[in-house]
N, C-alpha and C. Protein backbone atom coordinates (compact mmCIF):
# COMPACT_ATOMS: atom_id res chain seq x y z
N ASN A 1 11.99 45.67 -30.61
CA ASN A 1 10.70 45.94 -29.80
C ASN A 1 10.40 46.21 -28.56
N GLY A 2 11.55 46.00 -27.64
CA GLY A 2 11.12 46.35 -26.06
C GLY A 2 10.92 44.95 -25.38
N VAL A 3 10.41 44.12 -26.21
CA VAL A 3 9.71 42.67 -25.06
C VAL A 3 10.90 42.15 -24.91
N VAL A 4 11.20 41.17 -24.16
CA VAL A 4 12.20 40.75 -22.98
C VAL A 4 11.31 39.31 -23.53
N GLN A 5 12.20 38.24 -24.18
CA GLN A 5 11.48 36.99 -24.26
C GLN A 5 12.29 35.74 -23.44
N SER A 6 11.53 35.40 -22.63
CA SER A 6 12.52 34.18 -21.63
C SER A 6 12.66 33.27 -22.45
N CYS A 7 14.07 32.16 -21.79
CA CYS A 7 14.03 31.20 -22.76
C CYS A 7 13.28 29.92 -21.77
N PRO A 8 12.68 28.98 -22.78
CA PRO A 8 12.16 27.79 -21.98
C PRO A 8 13.17 26.84 -21.39
N SER A 9 12.77 26.04 -20.36
CA SER A 9 13.87 25.56 -19.60
C SER A 9 13.08 24.07 -19.35
N LEU A 10 13.85 23.05 -19.28
CA LEU A 10 13.27 21.37 -18.85
C LEU A 10 13.54 21.28 -17.52
N LEU A 11 12.73 20.72 -16.71
CA LEU A 11 12.94 19.89 -15.36
C LEU A 11 13.31 18.78 -15.52
N LEU A 12 14.86 18.24 -15.28
CA LEU A 12 14.93 16.99 -15.77
C LEU A 12 15.19 15.89 -14.52
N GLU A 13 14.91 14.79 -14.16
CA GLU A 13 14.67 14.33 -13.08
C GLU A 13 15.63 13.31 -13.12
N PRO A 14 16.22 12.85 -11.72
CA PRO A 14 17.06 11.92 -11.20
C PRO A 14 16.59 10.43 -11.51
N ALA A 15 16.98 9.45 -11.77
CA ALA A 15 16.45 7.89 -11.59
C ALA A 15 16.35 8.19 -10.01
N SER A 16 14.83 7.48 -9.88
CA SER A 16 14.56 6.81 -8.46
C SER A 16 13.70 5.91 -8.45
N THR A 17 13.37 5.42 -6.97
CA THR A 17 13.02 4.48 -7.36
C THR A 17 11.78 4.56 -6.01
N ASN A 18 10.31 3.67 -6.46
CA ASN A 18 9.52 3.83 -4.98
C ASN A 18 9.41 2.43 -4.39
N LEU A 19 9.95 2.54 -3.55
CA LEU A 19 10.15 1.52 -2.88
C LEU A 19 9.07 0.87 -1.85
N ILE A 20 7.72 1.56 -2.25
CA ILE A 20 6.45 0.91 -1.79
C ILE A 20 6.06 0.25 -3.35
N THR A 21 5.44 -0.71 -2.18
CA THR A 21 5.20 -1.84 -3.77
C THR A 21 3.74 -1.82 -4.14
N TYR A 22 2.70 -1.36 -3.32
CA TYR A 22 1.10 -1.64 -3.27
C TYR A 22 0.95 0.23 -3.09
N SER A 23 1.46 1.04 -4.05
CA SER A 23 1.28 2.63 -3.84
C SER A 23 0.12 2.82 -3.60
N GLU A 24 -0.65 1.93 -4.20
CA GLU A 24 -1.84 2.75 -4.96
C GLU A 24 -3.44 1.92 -4.00
N ASP A 25 -2.81 0.56 -4.24
CA ASP A 25 -3.78 -0.42 -3.28
C ASP A 25 -3.81 -0.46 -2.28
N PHE A 26 -4.45 0.35 -1.01
CA PHE A 26 -4.26 0.46 0.35
C PHE A 26 -4.91 -0.72 1.03
N SER A 27 -6.17 -1.45 0.22
CA SER A 27 -6.71 -2.71 1.01
C SER A 27 -6.30 -3.78 1.11
N ASN A 28 -4.55 -3.96 0.50
CA ASN A 28 -3.70 -4.50 0.11
C ASN A 28 -3.37 -5.03 1.76
N ALA A 29 -2.97 -6.56 1.86
CA ALA A 29 -2.59 -6.83 3.46
C ALA A 29 -1.33 -5.98 3.66
N TYR A 30 -0.44 -5.76 2.14
CA TYR A 30 0.83 -5.08 2.50
C TYR A 30 0.71 -3.61 3.50
N TRP A 31 -0.53 -3.08 3.71
CA TRP A 31 -0.67 -1.79 4.32
C TRP A 31 -1.26 -2.54 5.45
N LEU A 32 -0.86 -2.15 6.82
CA LEU A 32 -1.41 -2.51 8.14
C LEU A 32 -2.42 -1.53 8.63
N LYS A 33 -3.57 -2.14 8.65
CA LYS A 33 -4.62 -1.13 9.69
C LYS A 33 -4.29 -1.01 10.96
N SER A 34 -4.71 -0.41 11.34
CA SER A 34 -4.46 -0.22 13.11
C SER A 34 -5.62 1.04 13.17
N GLY A 35 -6.77 0.30 13.79
CA GLY A 35 -7.52 1.66 14.11
C GLY A 35 -8.81 2.29 13.10
N SER A 36 -8.30 1.37 12.09
CA SER A 36 -8.87 2.29 10.52
C SER A 36 -8.88 1.35 9.60
N SER A 37 -9.73 1.86 8.54
CA SER A 37 -10.18 0.92 7.35
C SER A 37 -10.20 1.87 6.10
N VAL A 38 -9.74 1.50 5.36
CA VAL A 38 -9.88 2.13 3.88
C VAL A 38 -11.38 1.68 3.11
N VAL A 39 -11.74 2.72 2.11
CA VAL A 39 -12.77 2.61 1.67
C VAL A 39 -12.25 2.94 0.10
N SER A 40 -12.34 1.89 -0.69
CA SER A 40 -11.72 2.52 -2.65
C SER A 40 -12.94 3.01 -2.93
N GLY A 41 -13.14 3.77 -4.43
CA GLY A 41 -13.71 4.04 -5.45
C GLY A 41 -13.64 5.70 -5.39
N PHE A 42 -12.53 6.55 -5.05
CA PHE A 42 -12.75 7.95 -5.01
C PHE A 42 -12.03 8.20 -6.26
N ILE A 43 -12.29 9.75 -6.70
CA ILE A 43 -11.27 10.42 -7.75
C ILE A 43 -10.24 10.90 -7.18
N SER A 44 -9.31 10.41 -7.81
CA SER A 44 -8.04 10.66 -7.10
C SER A 44 -7.09 11.74 -8.34
N PRO A 45 -6.08 12.45 -7.84
CA PRO A 45 -5.40 13.34 -8.76
C PRO A 45 -5.56 13.25 -10.09
N ASP A 46 -5.43 12.01 -10.62
CA ASP A 46 -5.08 11.43 -12.32
C ASP A 46 -6.18 11.35 -12.47
N GLY A 47 -7.66 11.84 -12.01
CA GLY A 47 -8.99 11.87 -12.52
C GLY A 47 -9.52 10.50 -12.71
N THR A 48 -8.86 9.96 -12.26
CA THR A 48 -10.11 8.48 -12.06
C THR A 48 -10.07 7.80 -10.57
N THR A 49 -11.07 6.78 -10.48
CA THR A 49 -11.44 6.60 -9.38
C THR A 49 -10.51 5.69 -8.48
N ASN A 50 -9.65 5.92 -8.26
CA ASN A 50 -8.16 4.87 -7.51
C ASN A 50 -7.95 5.38 -6.36
N ALA A 51 -8.05 6.23 -6.04
CA ALA A 51 -8.16 6.94 -4.78
C ALA A 51 -8.97 5.92 -3.45
N PHE A 52 -8.67 6.16 -2.02
CA PHE A 52 -8.83 5.55 -0.95
C PHE A 52 -9.66 6.83 -0.03
N LYS A 53 -10.73 6.22 0.70
CA LYS A 53 -10.50 6.94 2.05
C LYS A 53 -10.27 6.62 2.97
N LEU A 54 -9.31 6.86 3.75
CA LEU A 54 -8.83 6.39 5.09
C LEU A 54 -9.63 6.68 6.48
N VAL A 55 -10.56 5.77 6.57
CA VAL A 55 -12.01 6.01 7.78
C VAL A 55 -10.99 5.79 9.31
N GLU A 56 -11.42 6.67 10.33
CA GLU A 56 -11.09 5.73 11.33
C GLU A 56 -12.15 4.93 12.20
N GLY A 57 -11.54 4.49 13.26
CA GLY A 57 -12.11 3.62 13.90
C GLY A 57 -12.67 4.30 15.13
N THR A 58 -12.96 3.73 16.31
CA THR A 58 -13.19 4.39 17.65
C THR A 58 -12.51 4.24 19.15
N SER A 59 -11.22 3.92 18.60
CA SER A 59 -9.91 3.70 19.25
C SER A 59 -8.91 5.51 19.24
N THR A 60 -7.92 4.90 19.86
CA THR A 60 -7.44 6.31 20.22
C THR A 60 -6.57 6.39 19.24
N ASN A 61 -5.97 5.62 18.04
CA ASN A 61 -4.89 5.91 17.63
C ASN A 61 -5.23 5.08 15.90
N GLN A 62 -5.48 5.76 14.82
CA GLN A 62 -5.96 5.58 13.46
C GLN A 62 -4.84 5.88 12.49
N PHE A 63 -4.13 4.74 11.86
CA PHE A 63 -3.30 5.07 11.25
C PHE A 63 -3.34 3.44 10.14
N ILE A 64 -2.55 3.32 8.87
CA ILE A 64 -2.18 2.79 8.53
C ILE A 64 -0.49 3.11 7.86
N ARG A 65 0.44 1.89 8.14
CA ARG A 65 1.61 1.64 7.61
C ARG A 65 2.12 0.65 7.45
N ALA A 66 2.94 0.66 6.05
CA ALA A 66 3.89 0.16 5.05
C ALA A 66 5.17 0.42 5.75
N ASN A 67 6.37 -1.34 5.59
CA ASN A 67 7.27 -1.04 6.37
C ASN A 67 8.48 -1.65 4.82
N PRO A 68 8.52 -0.53 4.00
CA PRO A 68 9.38 -0.91 3.18
C PRO A 68 10.75 -0.77 3.99
N THR A 69 11.82 -1.60 3.03
CA THR A 69 12.82 -1.77 3.00
C THR A 69 13.99 -1.16 2.47
N VAL A 70 14.91 -0.10 2.83
CA VAL A 70 15.31 1.09 2.70
C VAL A 70 17.25 1.06 3.22
N THR A 71 17.50 1.94 2.63
CA THR A 71 18.96 1.82 2.86
C THR A 71 19.06 3.04 3.77
N THR A 72 20.35 2.73 4.63
CA THR A 72 20.67 3.83 5.79
C THR A 72 20.87 5.26 4.85
N GLY A 73 20.49 6.38 5.44
CA GLY A 73 20.67 7.49 4.86
C GLY A 73 19.46 8.40 4.80
N ASN A 74 19.12 9.37 3.78
CA ASN A 74 17.85 10.38 3.67
C ASN A 74 17.10 9.78 2.94
N ASN A 75 15.46 9.37 3.34
CA ASN A 75 14.71 8.35 2.65
C ASN A 75 13.52 9.80 2.60
N THR A 76 12.80 10.18 1.49
CA THR A 76 11.59 10.90 1.77
C THR A 76 10.34 9.84 1.29
N ILE A 77 9.41 10.57 2.51
CA ILE A 77 7.87 9.45 2.29
C ILE A 77 6.98 10.66 1.81
N SER A 78 6.18 10.34 0.66
CA SER A 78 5.32 11.37 0.31
C SER A 78 4.30 10.37 0.31
N ILE A 79 3.00 11.19 0.16
CA ILE A 79 1.52 10.93 -0.39
C ILE A 79 0.48 12.33 -0.68
N PHE A 80 -0.31 11.56 -1.19
CA PHE A 80 -1.13 12.40 -1.53
C PHE A 80 -2.56 12.84 -0.83
N ALA A 81 -3.29 13.58 -0.05
CA ALA A 81 -4.26 13.58 0.68
C ALA A 81 -5.08 14.36 0.28
N LYS A 82 -6.15 14.57 0.83
CA LYS A 82 -7.58 15.29 0.78
C LYS A 82 -8.23 15.29 1.76
N ALA A 83 -8.74 16.26 1.99
CA ALA A 83 -9.95 16.81 3.41
C ALA A 83 -11.11 16.23 3.07
N GLU A 84 -11.63 15.51 4.17
CA GLU A 84 -13.03 15.33 4.26
C GLU A 84 -13.40 15.50 4.86
N GLU A 85 -13.95 15.09 6.37
CA GLU A 85 -14.59 15.19 7.37
C GLU A 85 -13.09 15.61 8.46
N ARG A 86 -11.95 14.78 8.38
CA ARG A 86 -10.74 15.17 8.80
C ARG A 86 -9.96 16.28 8.03
N ASN A 87 -9.60 16.94 8.61
CA ASN A 87 -8.38 18.15 8.01
C ASN A 87 -7.17 17.45 8.20
N TRP A 88 -6.43 17.39 8.86
CA TRP A 88 -5.18 17.03 9.26
C TRP A 88 -4.72 15.26 9.31
N ILE A 89 -3.53 15.17 8.74
CA ILE A 89 -3.14 13.89 8.86
C ILE A 89 -1.41 13.91 9.38
N LEU A 90 -0.92 12.82 9.97
CA LEU A 90 0.30 13.00 10.81
C LEU A 90 1.19 11.85 9.75
N LEU A 91 2.27 12.38 9.12
CA LEU A 91 3.28 11.41 8.82
C LEU A 91 4.32 10.85 9.79
N TRP A 92 4.41 9.41 10.45
CA TRP A 92 5.47 9.63 11.07
C TRP A 92 6.50 8.13 10.80
N ASP A 93 7.70 8.12 11.12
CA ASP A 93 8.80 7.32 11.21
C ASP A 93 8.80 6.38 12.56
N GLY A 94 8.38 5.55 12.40
CA GLY A 94 8.95 4.81 14.20
C GLY A 94 10.23 4.62 14.30
N HIS A 95 11.09 4.49 13.39
CA HIS A 95 12.55 3.93 13.58
C HIS A 95 13.31 5.52 13.66
N THR A 96 12.69 6.49 12.89
CA THR A 96 13.44 8.10 13.71
C THR A 96 13.04 8.67 14.60
N ASN A 97 11.39 8.17 14.83
CA ASN A 97 10.71 8.86 15.77
C ASN A 97 11.13 10.59 15.16
N LYS A 98 10.49 10.86 13.95
CA LYS A 98 10.31 12.02 13.20
C LYS A 98 9.55 11.46 12.70
N GLY A 99 8.22 13.08 12.78
CA GLY A 99 6.63 12.94 12.27
C GLY A 99 6.74 14.34 12.25
N LYS A 100 5.73 14.92 11.28
CA LYS A 100 5.27 15.99 10.65
C LYS A 100 3.27 15.89 10.93
N TYR A 101 3.19 17.14 11.16
CA TYR A 101 1.09 17.31 10.96
C TYR A 101 1.26 18.35 9.60
N PHE A 102 0.26 17.72 8.48
CA PHE A 102 -0.36 17.91 7.37
C PHE A 102 -1.81 18.67 7.93
N ASP A 103 -2.00 19.69 7.39
CA ASP A 103 -3.14 20.58 7.25
C ASP A 103 -3.83 20.23 5.63
N VAL A 104 -4.57 19.02 5.41
CA VAL A 104 -4.77 18.41 4.15
C VAL A 104 -6.06 19.47 3.66
N LYS A 105 -6.67 20.20 4.20
CA LYS A 105 -7.39 21.38 3.96
C LYS A 105 -7.30 22.76 3.30
N ASN A 106 -6.12 23.31 3.98
CA ASN A 106 -5.68 24.78 3.67
C ASN A 106 -4.22 24.45 3.10
N GLY A 107 -3.29 23.46 3.38
CA GLY A 107 -1.93 23.29 2.72
C GLY A 107 -1.13 23.85 3.64
N ASN A 108 -1.38 23.64 4.76
CA ASN A 108 -0.19 24.31 5.57
C ASN A 108 0.44 23.46 6.44
N LEU A 109 1.88 23.39 6.45
CA LEU A 109 2.56 22.47 7.41
C LEU A 109 2.23 22.91 9.21
N GLY A 110 1.80 21.63 9.89
CA GLY A 110 1.68 21.67 11.02
C GLY A 110 3.01 21.77 11.93
N THR A 111 2.76 21.07 13.28
CA THR A 111 4.23 21.11 14.25
C THR A 111 4.71 19.32 13.96
N TYR A 112 5.63 19.30 14.57
CA TYR A 112 6.30 18.30 14.40
C TYR A 112 5.97 17.00 15.64
N ARG A 113 5.79 15.77 15.66
CA ARG A 113 5.78 14.54 16.22
C ARG A 113 7.09 14.24 16.64
N SER A 114 7.48 13.79 18.19
CA SER A 114 8.44 13.54 18.37
C SER A 114 9.97 13.77 18.01
N SER A 115 10.58 14.14 16.68
CA SER A 115 11.27 14.97 16.26
C SER A 115 11.04 15.44 15.11
N GLU A 116 11.70 16.33 14.64
CA GLU A 116 11.68 17.72 13.45
C GLU A 116 12.13 16.70 11.85
N PRO A 117 11.38 16.09 11.39
CA PRO A 117 12.54 15.75 10.17
C PRO A 117 13.35 16.69 9.72
N GLU A 118 13.77 16.21 8.63
CA GLU A 118 15.20 16.76 7.93
C GLU A 118 14.48 17.80 6.90
N ASN A 119 13.52 18.06 6.06
CA ASN A 119 12.45 18.61 5.52
C ASN A 119 10.86 18.19 5.18
N SER A 120 10.25 18.94 5.22
CA SER A 120 8.85 18.67 5.09
C SER A 120 8.39 19.89 4.05
N SER A 121 7.23 19.50 3.45
CA SER A 121 6.29 20.02 2.33
C SER A 121 5.36 19.92 2.04
N ILE A 122 4.81 20.95 1.53
CA ILE A 122 2.98 20.43 1.39
C ILE A 122 2.54 21.22 0.23
N ASP A 123 2.15 20.59 -1.16
CA ASP A 123 2.08 21.12 -2.62
C ASP A 123 0.39 20.77 -3.10
N SER A 124 -0.13 22.00 -3.92
CA SER A 124 -1.41 21.77 -4.11
C SER A 124 -1.45 20.88 -5.59
N PHE A 125 -1.94 20.10 -5.70
CA PHE A 125 -2.18 19.11 -6.85
C PHE A 125 -3.72 19.59 -7.29
N GLY A 126 -4.42 20.55 -6.74
CA GLY A 126 -6.01 20.71 -7.22
C GLY A 126 -6.94 19.88 -6.75
N ASN A 127 -8.18 20.43 -7.43
CA ASN A 127 -9.08 20.00 -6.61
C ASN A 127 -9.02 19.01 -5.25
N GLY A 128 -8.23 20.05 -4.60
CA GLY A 128 -8.49 20.01 -3.09
C GLY A 128 -7.19 18.73 -2.45
N TRP A 129 -6.72 18.86 -3.58
CA TRP A 129 -5.51 17.26 -3.12
C TRP A 129 -4.04 18.10 -2.82
N PHE A 130 -3.47 17.48 -2.48
CA PHE A 130 -2.21 17.87 -1.82
C PHE A 130 -1.45 16.98 -1.64
N ARG A 131 -0.17 17.27 -1.98
CA ARG A 131 1.03 16.16 -1.53
C ARG A 131 2.01 16.05 -0.37
N CYS A 132 1.81 15.70 0.33
CA CYS A 132 3.13 15.81 1.70
C CYS A 132 4.25 15.35 1.42
N THR A 133 4.88 15.58 1.73
CA THR A 133 6.15 15.16 2.09
C THR A 133 7.18 14.87 3.30
N MET A 134 8.03 14.24 3.48
CA MET A 134 8.87 14.49 4.78
C MET A 134 10.13 13.48 4.51
N THR A 135 11.43 14.16 4.79
CA THR A 135 12.37 13.34 4.51
C THR A 135 12.92 13.41 5.83
N VAL A 136 13.42 11.67 6.07
CA VAL A 136 13.98 11.70 7.24
C VAL A 136 15.53 10.81 7.21
N ASN A 137 16.50 10.90 7.79
CA ASN A 137 17.61 10.36 7.88
C ASN A 137 17.58 9.07 8.56
N SER A 138 17.54 7.77 7.70
CA SER A 138 17.23 6.89 8.61
C SER A 138 18.58 6.11 9.41
N ILE A 139 17.92 5.72 10.08
CA ILE A 139 19.58 4.81 10.95
C ILE A 139 19.31 3.66 11.03
N SER A 140 18.48 2.99 9.79
CA SER A 140 17.81 1.30 9.88
C SER A 140 17.51 1.18 8.33
N THR A 141 17.78 0.22 8.28
CA THR A 141 17.12 -0.26 6.72
C THR A 141 15.51 -0.50 6.76
N ASN A 142 15.31 -0.56 7.90
CA ASN A 142 13.37 -0.34 8.05
C ASN A 142 12.91 0.88 7.72
N LEU A 143 12.45 1.07 7.59
CA LEU A 143 10.93 2.30 8.17
C LEU A 143 9.80 1.98 8.27
N GLN A 144 8.93 3.10 8.79
CA GLN A 144 8.01 2.61 8.61
C GLN A 144 6.95 4.23 8.93
N ASN A 145 6.23 3.47 7.48
CA ASN A 145 5.63 4.94 6.44
C ASN A 145 4.04 5.08 7.19
N GLN A 146 3.79 5.44 8.17
CA GLN A 146 2.84 5.28 8.95
C GLN A 146 1.85 6.49 8.43
N ILE A 147 0.68 6.42 8.26
CA ILE A 147 -0.43 7.74 7.68
C ILE A 147 -1.10 7.68 9.14
N TYR A 148 -1.13 8.74 9.91
CA TYR A 148 -1.93 8.75 10.80
C TYR A 148 -3.26 9.69 10.66
N LEU A 149 -4.66 9.41 10.89
CA LEU A 149 -5.44 10.33 11.01
C LEU A 149 -5.01 11.35 12.15
N ALA A 150 -5.45 12.58 12.38
CA ALA A 150 -5.25 13.44 13.25
C ALA A 150 -6.15 14.30 13.17
N GLU A 151 -6.97 14.63 14.45
CA GLU A 151 -7.99 15.58 15.13
C GLU A 151 -7.89 16.90 14.62
N SER A 152 -6.21 17.52 15.00
CA SER A 152 -6.02 18.83 14.71
C SER A 152 -4.14 18.79 14.83
N ASP A 153 -3.82 19.97 14.65
CA ASP A 153 -2.28 19.95 14.72
C ASP A 153 -2.01 19.39 16.14
N GLY A 154 -0.66 18.60 15.86
CA GLY A 154 -0.53 17.91 17.47
C GLY A 154 -1.37 16.93 18.03
N VAL A 155 -2.38 16.66 17.52
CA VAL A 155 -2.96 15.38 18.16
C VAL A 155 -3.52 14.60 17.22
N PHE A 156 -3.06 13.18 17.42
CA PHE A 156 -3.17 12.03 16.44
C PHE A 156 -3.75 10.99 17.65
N ASN A 157 -3.93 11.34 19.08
CA ASN A 157 -4.22 10.23 19.95
C ASN A 157 -5.51 10.76 20.65
N TYR A 158 -6.32 10.89 19.39
CA TYR A 158 -7.79 11.15 19.79
C TYR A 158 -9.12 10.33 19.68
N THR A 159 -10.03 9.99 20.28
CA THR A 159 -11.26 8.83 20.12
C THR A 159 -11.51 9.15 18.96
N GLY A 160 -11.35 7.80 17.72
CA GLY A 160 -12.45 8.23 16.50
C GLY A 160 -14.15 8.03 17.05
N ASN A 161 -14.62 8.41 15.87
CA ASN A 161 -16.13 8.45 15.55
C ASN A 161 -16.50 7.01 15.01
N GLY A 162 -15.46 6.50 14.18
CA GLY A 162 -16.14 5.42 13.39
C GLY A 162 -16.59 5.48 11.68
N SER A 163 -16.41 6.91 11.57
CA SER A 163 -16.70 7.01 10.33
C SER A 163 -15.56 8.19 9.42
N SER A 164 -15.53 8.98 10.41
CA SER A 164 -14.74 10.52 10.08
C SER A 164 -12.76 10.19 9.08
N GLY A 165 -12.57 10.57 8.13
CA GLY A 165 -11.34 10.43 7.68
C GLY A 165 -11.13 11.21 6.73
N VAL A 166 -10.00 11.02 5.63
CA VAL A 166 -9.70 12.11 4.70
C VAL A 166 -8.99 10.63 3.56
N TYR A 167 -9.03 11.26 2.16
CA TYR A 167 -8.83 11.11 1.02
C TYR A 167 -7.52 10.88 1.14
N ILE A 168 -6.76 9.09 0.45
CA ILE A 168 -5.73 9.22 0.35
C ILE A 168 -5.09 8.78 -1.18
N TYR A 169 -4.06 8.80 -2.01
CA TYR A 169 -3.20 8.17 -2.99
C TYR A 169 -2.15 8.53 -3.22
N GLY A 170 -1.16 7.64 -3.68
CA GLY A 170 -0.14 7.73 -4.25
C GLY A 170 1.02 7.64 -3.45
N SER A 171 1.33 6.59 -2.47
CA SER A 171 2.10 6.85 -1.75
C SER A 171 3.74 6.33 -2.02
N GLN A 172 4.68 6.92 -1.57
CA GLN A 172 6.27 6.89 -2.12
C GLN A 172 7.23 7.15 -1.13
N VAL A 173 7.83 6.02 -0.97
CA VAL A 173 9.19 6.31 -0.47
C VAL A 173 10.79 6.26 -1.05
N GLU A 174 11.40 7.56 -1.13
CA GLU A 174 12.31 7.04 -2.03
C GLU A 174 14.03 7.44 -1.06
N ALA A 175 14.92 6.66 -1.50
CA ALA A 175 15.87 7.08 -0.92
C ALA A 175 16.73 8.33 -1.33
N LEU A 176 16.12 9.48 -1.31
CA LEU A 176 16.80 10.73 -1.81
C LEU A 176 16.40 11.70 -0.88
N SER A 177 16.96 12.37 -0.51
CA SER A 177 16.32 13.57 0.22
C SER A 177 15.55 14.87 -0.35
N TYR A 178 14.81 14.60 -1.45
CA TYR A 178 13.60 15.25 -1.59
C TYR A 178 12.75 14.57 -2.35
N ALA A 179 11.62 14.94 -2.62
CA ALA A 179 10.65 13.92 -3.50
C ALA A 179 11.05 14.56 -4.70
N THR A 180 10.80 13.41 -5.79
CA THR A 180 10.44 13.31 -7.18
C THR A 180 9.21 13.18 -7.61
N SER A 181 8.88 13.41 -8.97
CA SER A 181 7.30 13.15 -9.45
C SER A 181 6.93 11.47 -8.99
N TYR A 182 5.65 11.21 -8.63
CA TYR A 182 5.40 10.36 -8.26
C TYR A 182 5.11 8.98 -9.37
N ILE A 183 5.88 8.16 -8.65
CA ILE A 183 6.13 6.62 -9.48
C ILE A 183 5.31 5.52 -9.09
N PRO A 184 4.12 5.30 -9.94
CA PRO A 184 3.11 4.47 -9.40
C PRO A 184 3.47 2.79 -9.32
N THR A 185 3.28 2.38 -8.54
CA THR A 185 3.59 0.38 -7.93
C THR A 185 2.36 -0.17 -8.41
N LEU A 186 1.77 -1.10 -9.55
CA LEU A 186 0.47 -1.56 -9.36
C LEU A 186 0.87 -2.79 -9.50
N SER A 187 2.11 -3.67 -9.38
CA SER A 187 2.02 -4.80 -9.55
C SER A 187 2.57 -5.99 -8.10
N GLY A 188 2.90 -5.34 -6.69
CA GLY A 188 3.59 -5.60 -5.60
C GLY A 188 5.05 -5.61 -6.07
N ALA A 189 5.69 -4.79 -6.99
CA ALA A 189 7.13 -4.54 -6.78
C ALA A 189 7.44 -3.64 -6.79
N SER A 190 8.59 -2.98 -6.43
CA SER A 190 8.69 -1.51 -6.37
C SER A 190 9.32 -1.18 -7.98
N GLN A 191 9.32 -0.19 -8.14
CA GLN A 191 9.26 0.54 -9.86
C GLN A 191 10.58 1.55 -9.57
N THR A 192 11.48 1.88 -11.08
CA THR A 192 12.53 2.58 -11.00
C THR A 192 12.04 3.29 -11.94
N ARG A 193 12.48 4.76 -12.13
CA ARG A 193 12.20 5.53 -13.00
C ARG A 193 13.70 5.79 -13.54
N ALA A 194 14.13 5.96 -14.85
CA ALA A 194 15.28 6.33 -15.50
C ALA A 194 15.77 7.63 -15.30
N ALA A 195 17.03 8.18 -14.61
CA ALA A 195 16.81 9.41 -15.45
C ALA A 195 16.64 10.04 -16.54
N GLU A 196 15.79 11.26 -16.65
CA GLU A 196 15.87 11.81 -17.72
C GLU A 196 17.25 12.60 -18.31
N THR A 197 17.02 12.54 -19.39
CA THR A 197 17.92 13.74 -20.55
C THR A 197 17.68 14.55 -21.55
N CYS A 198 18.44 15.15 -21.81
CA CYS A 198 18.03 16.04 -22.88
C CYS A 198 18.89 16.00 -24.13
């Protein structure tokens, strides 16, 4: 009949572990808050009220940080973020001195801080949410998963107004050179997804 039929395909993911042990509970002491605070009760990409707002203080650096233990080599950091009063965030690993700015209003990559990560991307998940990812080649078993509020592309060390911020959800660190689908950790322990087979 002249119609070309395409064959369906499956996307099968490898085994992966989310090394962040409180991937959704940013209020937990696991997350160090510096010049910032968090407020719960916002709609996340999964449609429930389990997202947080990261709120700036009045200092010149506003961020939260987790310090997962990783293996040396490539590790990929990811976070879901949505603009509110602020449109930009910075993901930065203090051990590798690599960081990337993300425009979480328009879905654009910005410049880098200190040095360029191995890879970075930003993908829309609907309803204003974006997943921001950054791969760094770790030279240490320590990794600083730092999420900064940014005033604009390239500007993280601004004086906060005490109320502005962005929404965040679903932090992940994987010992891979790319991000796989989100693996929630809800009980204070890392979680592993088995390799998918067909």
